[in-house]
């Protein structure tokens, strides 16, 4: 991001420290969302991406917002359809795969976008607990030893 002049900011609430998710899938989800945000910021003045994490009831909410080109209102209904893309070199499968991965983790995704202003992607996943984290770390140690 730095090489492309993009400012990356984040605000992570301590209450949102744990969630229930497949670590690799979540990494792929976030990679896709950050790549989309970065692509939307091409040729924009003061490009910025903001990542927020907060706890809401028994869920963790992750928001990725950008100051990019936004998605035209007439196109927004199609963004989760296979092979729909607004990118010259896109496949139209990124958000379809993201939505399926999130569903398999009992999560959801929603997108708010405003043309020439930016986009806010909201991912909601079940909250985890410190006990879940301890159990997972314990399994790792057992497997390694």
Protein backbone atom coordinates (compact mmCIF):
# COMPACT_ATOMS: atom_id res chain seq x y z
CA UNK A 1 0.00 0.00 0.00
CA UNK A 2 2.80 2.35 0.90
CA UNK A 3 4.44 1.82 -2.51
CA UNK A 4 1.16 2.87 -4.15
CA UNK A 5 0.78 5.94 -1.93
CA UNK A 6 -2.19 4.46 -0.07
CA UNK A 7 -2.63 5.38 3.57
CA UNK A 8 -3.72 2.34 5.60
CA UNK A 9 -5.39 3.10 8.92
CA UNK A 10 -7.00 0.79 11.41
CA UNK A 11 -9.06 0.94 14.58
CA UNK A 12 -9.41 -2.36 16.42
CA UNK A 13 -11.51 -2.53 19.56
CA UNK A 14 -9.98 -4.68 22.33
CA UNK A 15 -13.41 -6.33 22.76
CA UNK A 16 -13.12 -7.66 19.20
CA UNK A 17 -9.95 -9.62 19.95
CA UNK A 18 -11.30 -13.09 19.15
CA UNK A 19 -13.69 -14.52 16.61
CA UNK A 20 -14.67 -17.93 15.27
CA UNK A 21 -13.31 -18.35 11.78
CA UNK A 22 -11.06 -20.47 9.66
CA UNK A 23 -7.78 -18.58 9.75
CA UNK A 24 -6.83 -19.28 6.12
CA UNK A 25 -10.29 -18.45 4.78
CA UNK A 26 -10.40 -15.22 6.75
CA UNK A 27 -6.98 -14.30 5.38
CA UNK A 28 -8.26 -14.87 1.83
CA UNK A 29 -11.41 -12.83 2.52
CA UNK A 30 -9.40 -9.88 3.82
CA UNK A 31 -6.84 -10.16 1.02
CA UNK A 32 -9.62 -9.97 -1.56
CA UNK A 33 -11.31 -7.02 0.14
CA UNK A 34 -8.04 -5.10 0.51
CA UNK A 35 -7.11 -5.82 -3.11
CA UNK A 36 -10.51 -4.54 -4.28
CA UNK A 37 -10.10 -1.41 -2.14
CA UNK A 38 -6.60 -0.84 -3.51
CA UNK A 39 -7.84 -1.24 -7.09
CA UNK A 40 -10.63 1.29 -6.45
CA UNK A 41 -8.05 3.83 -5.30
CA UNK A 42 -6.07 3.99 -8.55
CA UNK A 43 -5.65 7.55 -9.75
CA UNK A 44 -7.48 8.96 -6.70
CA UNK A 45 -6.25 11.92 -4.65
CA UNK A 46 -5.36 11.07 -1.04
CA UNK A 47 -6.09 7.33 -1.32
CA UNK A 48 -6.98 5.78 2.02
CA UNK A 49 -8.14 2.43 3.36
CA UNK A 50 -9.56 2.11 6.86
CA UNK A 51 -9.96 -1.21 8.68
CA UNK A 52 -12.22 -1.26 11.74
CA UNK A 53 -12.98 -4.18 14.05
CA UNK A 54 -15.59 -3.99 16.78
CA UNK A 55 -17.72 -6.26 18.88
CA UNK A 56 -21.46 -6.10 18.33
CA UNK A 57 -23.54 -8.39 20.56
CA UNK A 58 -22.08 -11.88 20.03
CA UNK A 59 -20.38 -11.01 16.74
CA UNK A 60 -17.22 -9.33 15.54
CA UNK A 61 -17.68 -6.79 12.77
CA UNK A 62 -14.82 -6.06 10.39
CA UNK A 63 -15.21 -3.07 8.10
CA UNK A 64 -12.93 -2.25 5.19
CA UNK A 65 -13.63 1.19 3.77
CA UNK A 66 -11.90 3.15 1.05
CA UNK A 67 -11.98 6.58 -0.52
CA UNK A 68 -12.06 5.06 -4.00
CA UNK A 69 -14.18 5.41 -7.09
CA UNK A 70 -17.18 3.59 -5.61
CA UNK A 71 -19.60 1.31 -7.40
CA UNK A 72 -22.34 2.85 -9.57
CA UNK A 73 -25.78 2.38 -7.98
CA UNK A 74 -27.16 0.51 -11.01
CA UNK A 75 -24.32 -2.06 -10.75
CA UNK A 76 -24.57 -2.75 -7.01
CA UNK A 77 -27.30 -5.39 -7.30
CA UNK A 78 -24.93 -7.58 -9.35
CA UNK A 79 -21.73 -7.46 -7.31
CA UNK A 80 -22.19 -10.94 -5.81
CA UNK A 81 -23.14 -12.58 -9.12
CA UNK A 82 -20.59 -14.92 -10.71
CA UNK A 83 -18.50 -13.36 -13.48
CA UNK A 84 -19.78 -9.82 -12.85
CA UNK A 85 -16.91 -7.37 -12.70
CA UNK A 86 -16.22 -3.69 -13.19
CA UNK A 87 -12.47 -4.30 -13.56
CA UNK A 88 -10.75 -4.55 -16.93
CA UNK A 89 -8.83 -7.63 -15.84
CA UNK A 90 -11.16 -9.02 -13.17
CA UNK A 91 -12.73 -12.47 -13.21
CA UNK A 92 -15.90 -11.56 -11.35
CA UNK A 93 -15.34 -14.40 -8.89
CA UNK A 94 -13.67 -12.65 -5.95
CA UNK A 95 -16.75 -11.49 -4.07
CA UNK A 96 -18.65 -14.67 -4.96
CA UNK A 97 -15.91 -16.75 -3.31
CA UNK A 98 -15.69 -14.33 -0.36
CA UNK A 99 -19.42 -14.63 0.28
CA UNK A 100 -19.28 -18.45 0.14
CA UNK A 101 -16.28 -18.60 2.49
CA UNK A 102 -18.01 -16.30 4.97
CA UNK A 103 -21.21 -18.34 4.80
CA UNK A 104 -19.22 -21.50 5.62
CA UNK A 105 -17.92 -19.68 8.73
CA UNK A 106 -21.44 -18.52 9.66
CA UNK A 107 -20.55 -15.00 8.60
CA UNK A 108 -22.11 -12.37 6.38
CA UNK A 109 -20.98 -9.59 4.06
CA UNK A 110 -22.65 -6.37 3.00
CA UNK A 111 -21.45 -3.52 0.83
CA UNK A 112 -22.36 0.17 0.82
CA UNK A 113 -20.88 2.14 -2.03
CA UNK A 114 -21.16 5.69 -3.25
CA UNK A 115 -19.87 6.59 -6.69
CA UNK A 116 -16.84 8.93 -6.54
CA UNK A 117 -16.87 8.81 -2.71
CA UNK A 118 -15.92 5.27 -1.69
CA UNK A 119 -17.05 1.90 -0.44
CA UNK A 120 -17.64 0.29 2.96
CA UNK A 121 -17.55 -3.51 3.14
CA UNK A 122 -18.90 -4.98 6.38
CA UNK A 123 -18.06 -8.55 7.37
CA UNK A 124 -19.76 -10.06 10.42
CA UNK A 125 -18.49 -13.24 12.07
CA UNK A 126 -19.37 -15.07 15.30
CA UNK A 127 -17.45 -13.94 18.35
CA UNK A 128 -14.86 -16.31 19.76
CA UNK A 129 -13.62 -16.59 23.31
CA UNK A 130 -10.27 -16.59 25.03
CA UNK A 131 -10.97 -20.23 25.89
CA UNK A 132 -11.28 -21.08 22.16
CA UNK A 133 -7.93 -19.38 21.57
CA UNK A 134 -6.27 -21.28 24.42
CA UNK A 135 -7.61 -24.61 23.18
CA UNK A 136 -6.41 -23.93 19.65
CA UNK A 137 -2.95 -22.89 20.88
CA UNK A 138 -2.81 -25.98 23.10
CA UNK A 139 -3.58 -28.22 20.12
CA UNK A 140 -0.80 -26.59 18.16
CA UNK A 141 1.70 -27.18 20.96
CA UNK A 142 0.59 -30.79 21.28
CA UNK A 143 0.92 -31.35 17.54
CA UNK A 144 4.38 -29.79 17.47
CA UNK A 145 5.81 -31.67 20.48
